[in-house]
Amino acid sequence: MTTKESFSINGEALLDKIKSLINEGNVTKITITDKSGKELMHFPLAVGLFGVLLAPIFAAIGTLAALVTECTITVEKEVKDDDDTKTEIKVS
């Protein structure tokens, strides 16, 4: 199951917030929109994505942060259901 969260943030803190969200590990997609709601950037995150592969994304976000004063980050996260963690044992 996925959930969505949105954060309003200024351009200066944008890169730090994105890095923090990626480090959480359960983020599957990040979308950045401007204050009028126009999508500026979106990117999916795969499990096991390495820092080398994230470098171009961070560079683009850094450039974007310099250009925008206020934006919204929408994050899709993978959430585990409690039902998925239950194990059924049959005894015969």
N, C-alpha and C. Protein backbone atom coordinates (compact mmCIF):
# COMPACT_ATOMS: atom_id res chain seq x y z
N MET A 1 0.85 -1.17 0.00
CA MET A 1 0.00 0.00 0.00
C MET A 1 0.90 1.24 0.00
N THR A 2 0.53 2.25 -0.77
CA THR A 2 1.30 3.49 -0.79
C THR A 2 0.50 4.62 -0.17
N THR A 3 1.20 5.55 0.44
CA THR A 3 0.59 6.75 1.00
C THR A 3 1.30 7.96 0.41
N LYS A 4 0.62 9.10 0.45
CA LYS A 4 1.21 10.34 -0.05
C LYS A 4 1.28 11.36 1.08
N GLU A 5 2.39 12.08 1.12
CA GLU A 5 2.58 13.17 2.05
C GLU A 5 3.07 14.38 1.26
N SER A 6 2.67 15.57 1.69
CA SER A 6 3.14 16.79 1.03
C SER A 6 3.78 17.71 2.06
N PHE A 7 4.84 18.39 1.63
CA PHE A 7 5.56 19.32 2.48
C PHE A 7 5.74 20.63 1.71
N SER A 8 5.40 21.76 2.32
CA SER A 8 5.72 23.06 1.74
C SER A 8 7.07 23.47 2.29
N ILE A 9 7.93 23.93 1.41
CA ILE A 9 9.31 24.19 1.81
C ILE A 9 9.87 25.32 0.96
N ASN A 10 10.86 26.05 1.50
CA ASN A 10 11.50 27.09 0.70
C ASN A 10 12.65 26.47 -0.10
N GLY A 11 13.08 27.17 -1.11
CA GLY A 11 14.10 26.64 -2.01
C GLY A 11 15.41 26.29 -1.33
N GLU A 12 15.78 27.04 -0.30
CA GLU A 12 17.05 26.82 0.38
C GLU A 12 17.11 25.46 1.06
N ALA A 13 15.99 25.00 1.59
CA ALA A 13 15.95 23.75 2.34
C ALA A 13 15.55 22.55 1.48
N LEU A 14 15.31 22.78 0.20
CA LEU A 14 14.80 21.74 -0.69
C LEU A 14 15.73 20.53 -0.78
N LEU A 15 16.98 20.74 -1.07
CA LEU A 15 17.92 19.63 -1.26
C LEU A 15 18.10 18.82 0.02
N ASP A 16 18.21 19.50 1.16
CA ASP A 16 18.37 18.78 2.43
C ASP A 16 17.15 17.92 2.74
N LYS A 17 15.96 18.44 2.44
CA LYS A 17 14.73 17.68 2.70
C LYS A 17 14.65 16.45 1.79
N ILE A 18 15.01 16.61 0.52
CA ILE A 18 14.99 15.48 -0.42
C ILE A 18 15.96 14.40 0.05
N LYS A 19 17.17 14.78 0.44
CA LYS A 19 18.15 13.81 0.92
C LYS A 19 17.63 13.08 2.16
N SER A 20 17.01 13.82 3.05
CA SER A 20 16.44 13.23 4.26
C SER A 20 15.35 12.21 3.92
N LEU A 21 14.49 12.55 2.98
CA LEU A 21 13.41 11.65 2.58
C LEU A 21 13.96 10.38 1.93
N ILE A 22 14.98 10.53 1.10
CA ILE A 22 15.57 9.37 0.44
C ILE A 22 16.21 8.43 1.46
N ASN A 23 16.83 9.00 2.48
CA ASN A 23 17.48 8.19 3.52
C ASN A 23 16.49 7.39 4.34
N GLU A 24 15.21 7.78 4.35
CA GLU A 24 14.20 7.01 5.06
C GLU A 24 14.05 5.61 4.47
N GLY A 25 14.26 5.48 3.17
CA GLY A 25 14.29 4.17 2.54
C GLY A 25 12.97 3.65 2.02
N ASN A 26 11.84 4.19 2.43
CA ASN A 26 10.56 3.66 1.97
C ASN A 26 9.88 4.57 0.94
N VAL A 27 10.59 5.58 0.44
CA VAL A 27 10.04 6.51 -0.54
C VAL A 27 10.13 5.89 -1.93
N THR A 28 9.02 5.90 -2.67
CA THR A 28 9.01 5.31 -4.01
C THR A 28 8.99 6.36 -5.12
N LYS A 29 8.48 7.57 -4.83
CA LYS A 29 8.41 8.62 -5.85
C LYS A 29 8.37 9.98 -5.17
N ILE A 30 9.06 10.96 -5.78
CA ILE A 30 9.05 12.33 -5.27
C ILE A 30 8.65 13.26 -6.41
N THR A 31 7.72 14.16 -6.13
CA THR A 31 7.28 15.16 -7.09
C THR A 31 7.46 16.54 -6.47
N ILE A 32 8.03 17.47 -7.23
CA ILE A 32 8.22 18.84 -6.75
C ILE A 32 7.37 19.76 -7.61
N THR A 33 6.52 20.57 -6.96
CA THR A 33 5.66 21.51 -7.67
C THR A 33 5.92 22.92 -7.14
N ASP A 34 5.65 23.92 -7.99
CA ASP A 34 5.81 25.30 -7.53
C ASP A 34 4.58 25.73 -6.76
N LYS A 35 4.58 26.97 -6.26
CA LYS A 35 3.48 27.41 -5.40
C LYS A 35 2.15 27.53 -6.13
N SER A 36 2.17 27.57 -7.46
CA SER A 36 0.92 27.61 -8.22
C SER A 36 0.42 26.21 -8.58
N GLY A 37 1.19 25.16 -8.22
CA GLY A 37 0.78 23.79 -8.47
C GLY A 37 1.36 23.17 -9.73
N LYS A 38 2.19 23.91 -10.46
CA LYS A 38 2.81 23.40 -11.68
C LYS A 38 3.94 22.44 -11.32
N GLU A 39 3.92 21.24 -11.92
CA GLU A 39 4.96 20.25 -11.66
C GLU A 39 6.28 20.69 -12.27
N LEU A 40 7.31 20.76 -11.41
CA LEU A 40 8.64 21.16 -11.87
C LEU A 40 9.53 19.96 -12.12
N MET A 41 9.37 18.90 -11.31
CA MET A 41 10.24 17.74 -11.43
C MET A 41 9.58 16.57 -10.71
N HIS A 42 9.76 15.38 -11.24
CA HIS A 42 9.36 14.18 -10.52
C HIS A 42 10.34 13.06 -10.88
N PHE A 43 10.56 12.19 -9.92
CA PHE A 43 11.45 11.07 -10.17
C PHE A 43 11.10 9.91 -9.26
N PRO A 44 11.11 8.70 -9.83
CA PRO A 44 10.88 7.50 -9.03
C PRO A 44 12.17 7.09 -8.34
N LEU A 45 12.03 6.41 -7.23
CA LEU A 45 13.19 5.90 -6.51
C LEU A 45 13.08 4.40 -6.41
N ALA A 46 14.07 3.71 -6.91
CA ALA A 46 14.08 2.25 -6.86
C ALA A 46 14.84 1.80 -5.61
N VAL A 47 14.47 0.65 -5.11
CA VAL A 47 15.17 0.08 -3.97
C VAL A 47 16.61 -0.20 -4.36
N GLY A 48 17.54 0.19 -3.53
CA GLY A 48 18.94 -0.06 -3.82
C GLY A 48 19.58 0.97 -4.74
N LEU A 49 18.95 2.11 -4.92
CA LEU A 49 19.52 3.16 -5.76
C LEU A 49 20.77 3.70 -5.09
N PHE A 50 21.88 3.72 -5.79
CA PHE A 50 23.16 4.11 -5.23
C PHE A 50 23.40 5.60 -5.36
N GLY A 51 24.28 6.12 -4.52
CA GLY A 51 24.62 7.54 -4.52
C GLY A 51 25.12 8.05 -5.86
N VAL A 52 25.85 7.21 -6.59
CA VAL A 52 26.37 7.61 -7.90
C VAL A 52 25.21 7.90 -8.85
N LEU A 53 24.15 7.11 -8.75
CA LEU A 53 22.99 7.31 -9.61
C LEU A 53 22.15 8.51 -9.17
N LEU A 54 22.24 8.87 -7.89
CA LEU A 54 21.47 9.99 -7.37
C LEU A 54 22.15 11.33 -7.63
N ALA A 55 23.44 11.33 -7.92
CA ALA A 55 24.20 12.57 -8.10
C ALA A 55 23.57 13.51 -9.14
N PRO A 56 23.17 13.03 -10.33
CA PRO A 56 22.55 13.94 -11.29
C PRO A 56 21.21 14.49 -10.80
N ILE A 57 20.48 13.69 -10.05
CA ILE A 57 19.21 14.15 -9.49
C ILE A 57 19.47 15.26 -8.48
N PHE A 58 20.46 15.07 -7.61
CA PHE A 58 20.80 16.10 -6.62
C PHE A 58 21.27 17.39 -7.29
N ALA A 59 22.01 17.26 -8.38
CA ALA A 59 22.47 18.45 -9.11
C ALA A 59 21.29 19.22 -9.68
N ALA A 60 20.33 18.50 -10.25
CA ALA A 60 19.14 19.15 -10.81
C ALA A 60 18.31 19.80 -9.71
N ILE A 61 18.18 19.14 -8.57
CA ILE A 61 17.42 19.71 -7.46
C ILE A 61 18.12 20.95 -6.92
N GLY A 62 19.45 20.93 -6.86
CA GLY A 62 20.20 22.10 -6.42
C GLY A 62 19.97 23.29 -7.32
N THR A 63 19.96 23.05 -8.63
CA THR A 63 19.67 24.12 -9.58
C THR A 63 18.25 24.63 -9.42
N LEU A 64 17.32 23.72 -9.27
CA LEU A 64 15.92 24.09 -9.07
C LEU A 64 15.75 24.91 -7.80
N ALA A 65 16.43 24.51 -6.73
CA ALA A 65 16.34 25.22 -5.46
C ALA A 65 16.80 26.67 -5.59
N ALA A 66 17.78 26.91 -6.44
CA ALA A 66 18.27 28.26 -6.64
C ALA A 66 17.26 29.13 -7.39
N LEU A 67 16.37 28.49 -8.14
CA LEU A 67 15.42 29.23 -8.96
C LEU A 67 14.06 29.47 -8.30
N VAL A 68 13.66 28.61 -7.36
CA VAL A 68 12.35 28.75 -6.74
C VAL A 68 12.49 29.27 -5.31
N THR A 69 11.49 30.02 -4.89
CA THR A 69 11.51 30.52 -3.52
C THR A 69 10.67 29.65 -2.60
N GLU A 70 9.62 29.09 -3.16
CA GLU A 70 8.72 28.26 -2.36
C GLU A 70 8.18 27.14 -3.24
N CYS A 71 8.13 25.93 -2.71
CA CYS A 71 7.63 24.80 -3.49
C CYS A 71 7.01 23.77 -2.56
N THR A 72 6.39 22.77 -3.16
CA THR A 72 5.78 21.68 -2.41
C THR A 72 6.39 20.37 -2.89
N ILE A 73 6.74 19.53 -1.93
CA ILE A 73 7.26 18.20 -2.24
C ILE A 73 6.16 17.21 -1.91
N THR A 74 5.78 16.37 -2.87
CA THR A 74 4.83 15.30 -2.62
C THR A 74 5.59 13.99 -2.69
N VAL A 75 5.44 13.20 -1.64
CA VAL A 75 6.21 11.97 -1.50
C VAL A 75 5.26 10.79 -1.45
N GLU A 76 5.53 9.78 -2.27
CA GLU A 76 4.80 8.51 -2.19
C GLU A 76 5.67 7.53 -1.43
N LYS A 77 5.09 6.91 -0.41
CA LYS A 77 5.83 5.97 0.42
C LYS A 77 5.15 4.61 0.40
N GLU A 78 5.96 3.58 0.46
CA GLU A 78 5.46 2.21 0.56
C GLU A 78 5.27 1.91 2.05
N VAL A 79 4.04 1.54 2.39
CA VAL A 79 3.71 1.22 3.78
C VAL A 79 3.30 -0.23 3.85
N LYS A 80 3.88 -0.96 4.79
CA LYS A 80 3.53 -2.37 4.96
C LYS A 80 2.23 -2.50 5.73
N ASP A 81 1.35 -3.38 5.24
CA ASP A 81 0.12 -3.69 5.95
C ASP A 81 0.42 -4.65 7.09
N ASP A 82 -0.33 -4.53 8.16
CA ASP A 82 -0.18 -5.48 9.26
C ASP A 82 -0.56 -6.89 8.82
N ASP A 83 -1.51 -7.00 7.89
CA ASP A 83 -1.97 -8.31 7.40
C ASP A 83 -0.86 -9.04 6.66
N ASP A 84 0.06 -8.29 6.02
CA ASP A 84 1.15 -8.92 5.27
C ASP A 84 2.16 -9.59 6.19
N THR A 85 2.22 -9.14 7.43
CA THR A 85 3.23 -9.67 8.35
C THR A 85 2.74 -10.88 9.12
N LYS A 86 1.46 -11.20 9.01
CA LYS A 86 0.91 -12.36 9.71
C LYS A 86 1.29 -13.63 8.96
N THR A 87 1.62 -14.64 9.69
CA THR A 87 1.95 -15.94 9.10
C THR A 87 0.91 -16.95 9.55
N GLU A 88 0.42 -17.68 8.59
CA GLU A 88 -0.59 -18.71 8.91
C GLU A 88 0.11 -20.05 9.02
N ILE A 89 -0.12 -20.73 10.12
CA ILE A 89 0.47 -22.05 10.34
C ILE A 89 -0.64 -23.07 10.40
N LYS A 90 -0.55 -24.11 9.58
CA LYS A 90 -1.56 -25.17 9.58
C LYS A 90 -0.93 -26.40 10.21
N VAL A 91 -1.66 -27.00 11.15
CA VAL A 91 -1.19 -28.21 11.79
C VAL A 91 -2.15 -29.31 11.44
N SER A 92 -1.62 -30.44 10.97
CA SER A 92 -2.52 -31.55 10.61
C SER A 92 -2.31 -32.74 11.49
